[in-house]
Amino acid sequence: MGHRLSKIYTRTGDDGTTGLGDGSRTEKDGVRVEAYGTTDELNSVIGMILSLPCPDNIRNILDEVQHHLFDLGGELCIPGHQAIQQEHIDWLEAKLDELNEPLPPLKDFILPGGSQTAATCHLARTVCRRAERLVVSLKRIEEVPPFSMQYLNRLSDFLFVAARVLAREQGGSEVLWKKNRAPV
């Protein structure tokens, strides 16, 4: 494989447009660009999680997820391209079930926190939900491959469960929302 980025700046985006993977140009604030840009942001937040203390089982899953997200970003950047398949969703669901099985059922809402890694995992979850919403918006105006939204939906669920596991393992407990709490 040759050098893909021999020159970092090209000046081609100085007019407010950017190149898509198929060679076409589009506005930098277009929904497609927002969708793959937010997917890239999510990948960066997952990189933050991986830079923090993290158990090997979650670390290994998130390492694989980073590769999936890079593929998903490419899928969103190249109109008509499909990289995410049903097998990616099946794999993520299996990992989610494994992680969720030993956790106690939820009785209250959970606030982001518990440990730095858990809180960062919650941040990743919220960025993932935003990416999913942007893919939904893109689907309203352009064709989107069939598994993009499903993958992001399962990933946000996985990140929620991973945050629960991390909070319990690293902080001792989850931060529960207190209904009808009076100001202190």
Protein backbone atom coordinates (compact mmCIF):
# COMPACT_ATOMS: atom_id res chain seq x y z
CA MET A 1 0.00 0.00 0.00
CA GLY A 2 1.36 3.40 -0.97
CA HIS A 3 1.42 6.58 1.02
CA ARG A 4 -2.17 7.67 1.52
CA LEU A 5 -1.40 11.06 3.05
CA SER A 6 1.83 12.41 1.66
CA LYS A 7 0.70 15.99 2.18
CA ILE A 8 -1.55 16.84 5.13
CA TYR A 9 -2.94 20.14 3.88
CA THR A 10 -4.42 20.36 0.41
CA ARG A 11 -6.29 23.69 0.58
CA THR A 12 -9.17 22.03 -1.28
CA GLY A 13 -11.43 22.48 1.75
CA ASP A 14 -10.81 26.19 2.12
CA ASP A 15 -14.10 26.88 0.32
CA GLY A 16 -16.16 25.00 2.94
CA THR A 17 -16.38 21.72 1.05
CA THR A 18 -14.73 18.37 1.63
CA GLY A 19 -14.05 15.35 -0.51
CA LEU A 20 -15.98 12.14 0.00
CA GLY A 21 -14.46 8.72 -0.48
CA ASP A 22 -15.95 8.42 -3.97
CA GLY A 23 -14.21 11.62 -5.12
CA SER A 24 -17.30 13.83 -5.00
CA ARG A 25 -17.35 17.01 -2.94
CA THR A 26 -19.91 18.08 -0.37
CA GLU A 27 -20.44 20.80 2.21
CA LYS A 28 -18.40 20.32 5.40
CA ASP A 29 -21.50 20.80 7.52
CA GLY A 30 -23.64 18.33 5.55
CA VAL A 31 -25.41 15.51 7.37
CA ARG A 32 -23.17 12.84 5.83
CA VAL A 33 -20.04 14.65 7.03
CA GLU A 34 -21.59 15.19 10.46
CA ALA A 35 -22.40 11.46 10.66
CA TYR A 36 -18.93 10.21 9.81
CA GLY A 37 -17.30 13.02 11.77
CA THR A 38 -19.25 12.07 14.87
CA THR A 39 -18.33 8.42 14.31
CA ASP A 40 -14.69 9.55 14.27
CA GLU A 41 -15.29 11.54 17.46
CA LEU A 42 -16.76 8.41 19.06
CA ASN A 43 -13.69 6.44 18.05
CA SER A 44 -11.53 9.10 19.72
CA VAL A 45 -13.52 8.91 22.95
CA ILE A 46 -13.13 5.13 22.92
CA GLY A 47 -9.39 5.77 22.55
CA MET A 48 -9.65 7.86 25.73
CA ILE A 49 -11.28 4.92 27.53
CA LEU A 50 -8.47 2.66 26.37
CA SER A 51 -5.88 5.10 27.75
CA LEU A 52 -7.39 4.66 31.23
CA PRO A 53 -7.37 1.63 33.53
CA CYS A 54 -9.64 -0.89 31.86
CA PRO A 55 -10.11 -4.65 32.40
CA ASP A 56 -8.80 -6.84 29.58
CA ASN A 57 -12.23 -8.18 28.60
CA ILE A 58 -13.60 -4.67 27.97
CA ARG A 59 -10.29 -3.46 26.50
CA ASN A 60 -10.27 -6.29 23.94
CA ILE A 61 -13.84 -5.60 22.87
CA LEU A 62 -13.25 -1.84 22.56
CA ASP A 63 -10.10 -2.45 20.55
CA GLU A 64 -12.19 -4.41 18.03
CA VAL A 65 -14.95 -1.78 18.15
CA GLN A 66 -12.42 0.89 17.14
CA HIS A 67 -11.75 -1.05 13.95
CA HIS A 68 -15.48 -1.44 13.32
CA LEU A 69 -15.99 2.30 13.81
CA PHE A 70 -13.21 3.10 11.36
CA ASP A 71 -14.97 0.83 8.85
CA LEU A 72 -18.31 2.49 9.64
CA GLY A 73 -16.78 5.92 9.10
CA GLY A 74 -15.56 4.74 5.71
CA GLU A 75 -19.01 3.38 4.95
CA LEU A 76 -20.54 6.77 5.71
CA CYS A 77 -17.82 8.63 3.78
CA ILE A 78 -18.26 6.61 0.59
CA PRO A 79 -21.82 6.79 -0.74
CA GLY A 80 -23.02 3.31 -1.68
CA HIS A 81 -20.29 1.50 0.27
CA GLN A 82 -21.19 -1.09 2.92
CA ALA A 83 -18.69 -2.31 5.52
CA ILE A 84 -20.83 -3.15 8.57
CA GLN A 85 -22.66 -6.47 8.29
CA GLN A 86 -25.12 -8.42 10.43
CA GLU A 87 -22.17 -10.42 11.83
CA HIS A 88 -20.81 -7.22 13.43
CA ILE A 89 -24.12 -6.70 15.22
CA ASP A 90 -24.32 -10.36 16.26
CA TRP A 91 -20.78 -10.20 17.67
CA LEU A 92 -21.57 -7.01 19.61
CA GLU A 93 -24.80 -8.47 20.99
CA ALA A 94 -22.94 -11.57 22.20
CA LYS A 95 -20.32 -9.41 23.95
CA LEU A 96 -23.07 -7.24 25.44
CA ASP A 97 -24.90 -10.31 26.80
CA GLU A 98 -21.67 -11.67 28.34
CA LEU A 99 -20.96 -8.38 30.10
CA ASN A 100 -24.56 -7.80 31.22
CA GLU A 101 -25.29 -11.31 32.53
CA PRO A 102 -23.67 -10.96 36.00
CA LEU A 103 -25.00 -7.42 36.62
CA PRO A 104 -27.98 -6.91 38.91
CA PRO A 105 -31.17 -5.68 37.21
CA LEU A 106 -31.59 -1.93 37.06
CA LYS A 107 -34.08 -0.41 39.49
CA ASP A 108 -33.04 3.23 39.10
CA PHE A 109 -31.49 5.48 36.49
CA ILE A 110 -27.71 5.72 36.57
CA LEU A 111 -25.82 8.99 36.43
CA PRO A 112 -22.48 9.16 34.59
CA GLY A 113 -19.69 8.58 37.07
CA GLY A 114 -18.41 5.86 39.38
CA SER A 115 -14.84 6.09 38.09
CA GLN A 116 -12.96 8.09 35.47
CA THR A 117 -13.09 5.18 33.03
CA ALA A 118 -16.82 4.61 33.64
CA ALA A 119 -17.60 8.31 33.19
CA THR A 120 -15.60 8.35 29.95
CA CYS A 121 -17.54 5.30 28.82
CA HIS A 122 -20.76 7.25 29.45
CA LEU A 123 -19.35 10.10 27.36
CA ALA A 124 -18.68 7.62 24.55
CA ARG A 125 -22.27 6.36 24.91
CA THR A 126 -23.70 9.86 24.44
CA VAL A 127 -21.48 10.53 21.41
CA CYS A 128 -22.60 7.16 20.02
CA ARG A 129 -26.26 8.15 20.42
CA ARG A 130 -25.53 11.42 18.57
CA ALA A 131 -23.84 9.50 15.74
CA GLU A 132 -26.88 7.23 15.56
CA ARG A 133 -29.24 10.23 15.37
CA LEU A 134 -27.16 11.70 12.56
CA VAL A 135 -27.28 8.44 10.60
CA VAL A 136 -31.07 8.49 11.03
CA SER A 137 -31.11 12.05 9.67
CA LEU A 138 -28.89 11.01 6.75
CA LYS A 139 -31.19 8.09 5.98
CA ARG A 140 -34.07 10.54 5.50
CA ILE A 141 -32.25 12.24 2.62
CA GLU A 142 -29.88 9.61 1.19
CA GLU A 143 -29.53 5.86 1.05
CA VAL A 144 -27.66 4.41 4.03
CA PRO A 145 -26.42 0.82 4.32
CA PRO A 146 -28.81 -1.30 6.39
CA PHE A 147 -26.67 -2.09 9.45
CA SER A 148 -25.14 1.30 10.35
CA MET A 149 -27.92 2.44 12.67
CA GLN A 150 -28.32 -0.99 14.26
CA TYR A 151 -24.60 -1.23 15.00
CA LEU A 152 -24.55 2.20 16.65
CA ASN A 153 -27.68 1.35 18.62
CA ARG A 154 -26.13 -1.85 19.99
CA LEU A 155 -22.83 -0.10 20.62
CA SER A 156 -24.51 2.54 22.79
CA ASP A 157 -26.15 -0.28 24.77
CA PHE A 158 -22.77 -2.01 25.11
CA LEU A 159 -21.13 1.22 26.30
CA PHE A 160 -23.85 1.66 28.93
CA VAL A 161 -23.31 -1.85 30.26
CA ALA A 162 -19.52 -1.45 30.10
CA ALA A 163 -19.85 1.77 32.14
CA ARG A 164 -21.86 -0.15 34.74
CA VAL A 165 -19.19 -2.84 34.95
CA LEU A 166 -16.38 -0.28 35.14
CA ALA A 167 -18.11 1.74 37.87
CA ARG A 168 -18.59 -1.37 39.99
CA GLU A 169 -15.07 -2.69 39.43
CA GLN A 170 -13.23 0.61 39.80
CA GLY A 171 -15.37 2.85 41.96
CA GLY A 172 -17.19 0.34 44.06
CA SER A 173 -20.66 1.45 43.01
CA GLU A 174 -22.78 3.05 40.36
CA VAL A 175 -24.06 6.60 40.82
CA LEU A 176 -27.84 6.32 41.10
CA TRP A 177 -30.27 9.11 40.27
CA LYS A 178 -32.28 10.17 43.30
CA LYS A 179 -35.88 10.98 42.42
CA ASN A 180 -37.46 13.99 44.16
CA ARG A 181 -34.14 15.02 45.62
CA ALA A 182 -34.26 18.36 47.45
CA PRO A 183 -31.49 20.88 46.68
CA VAL A 184 -28.72 20.83 49.24
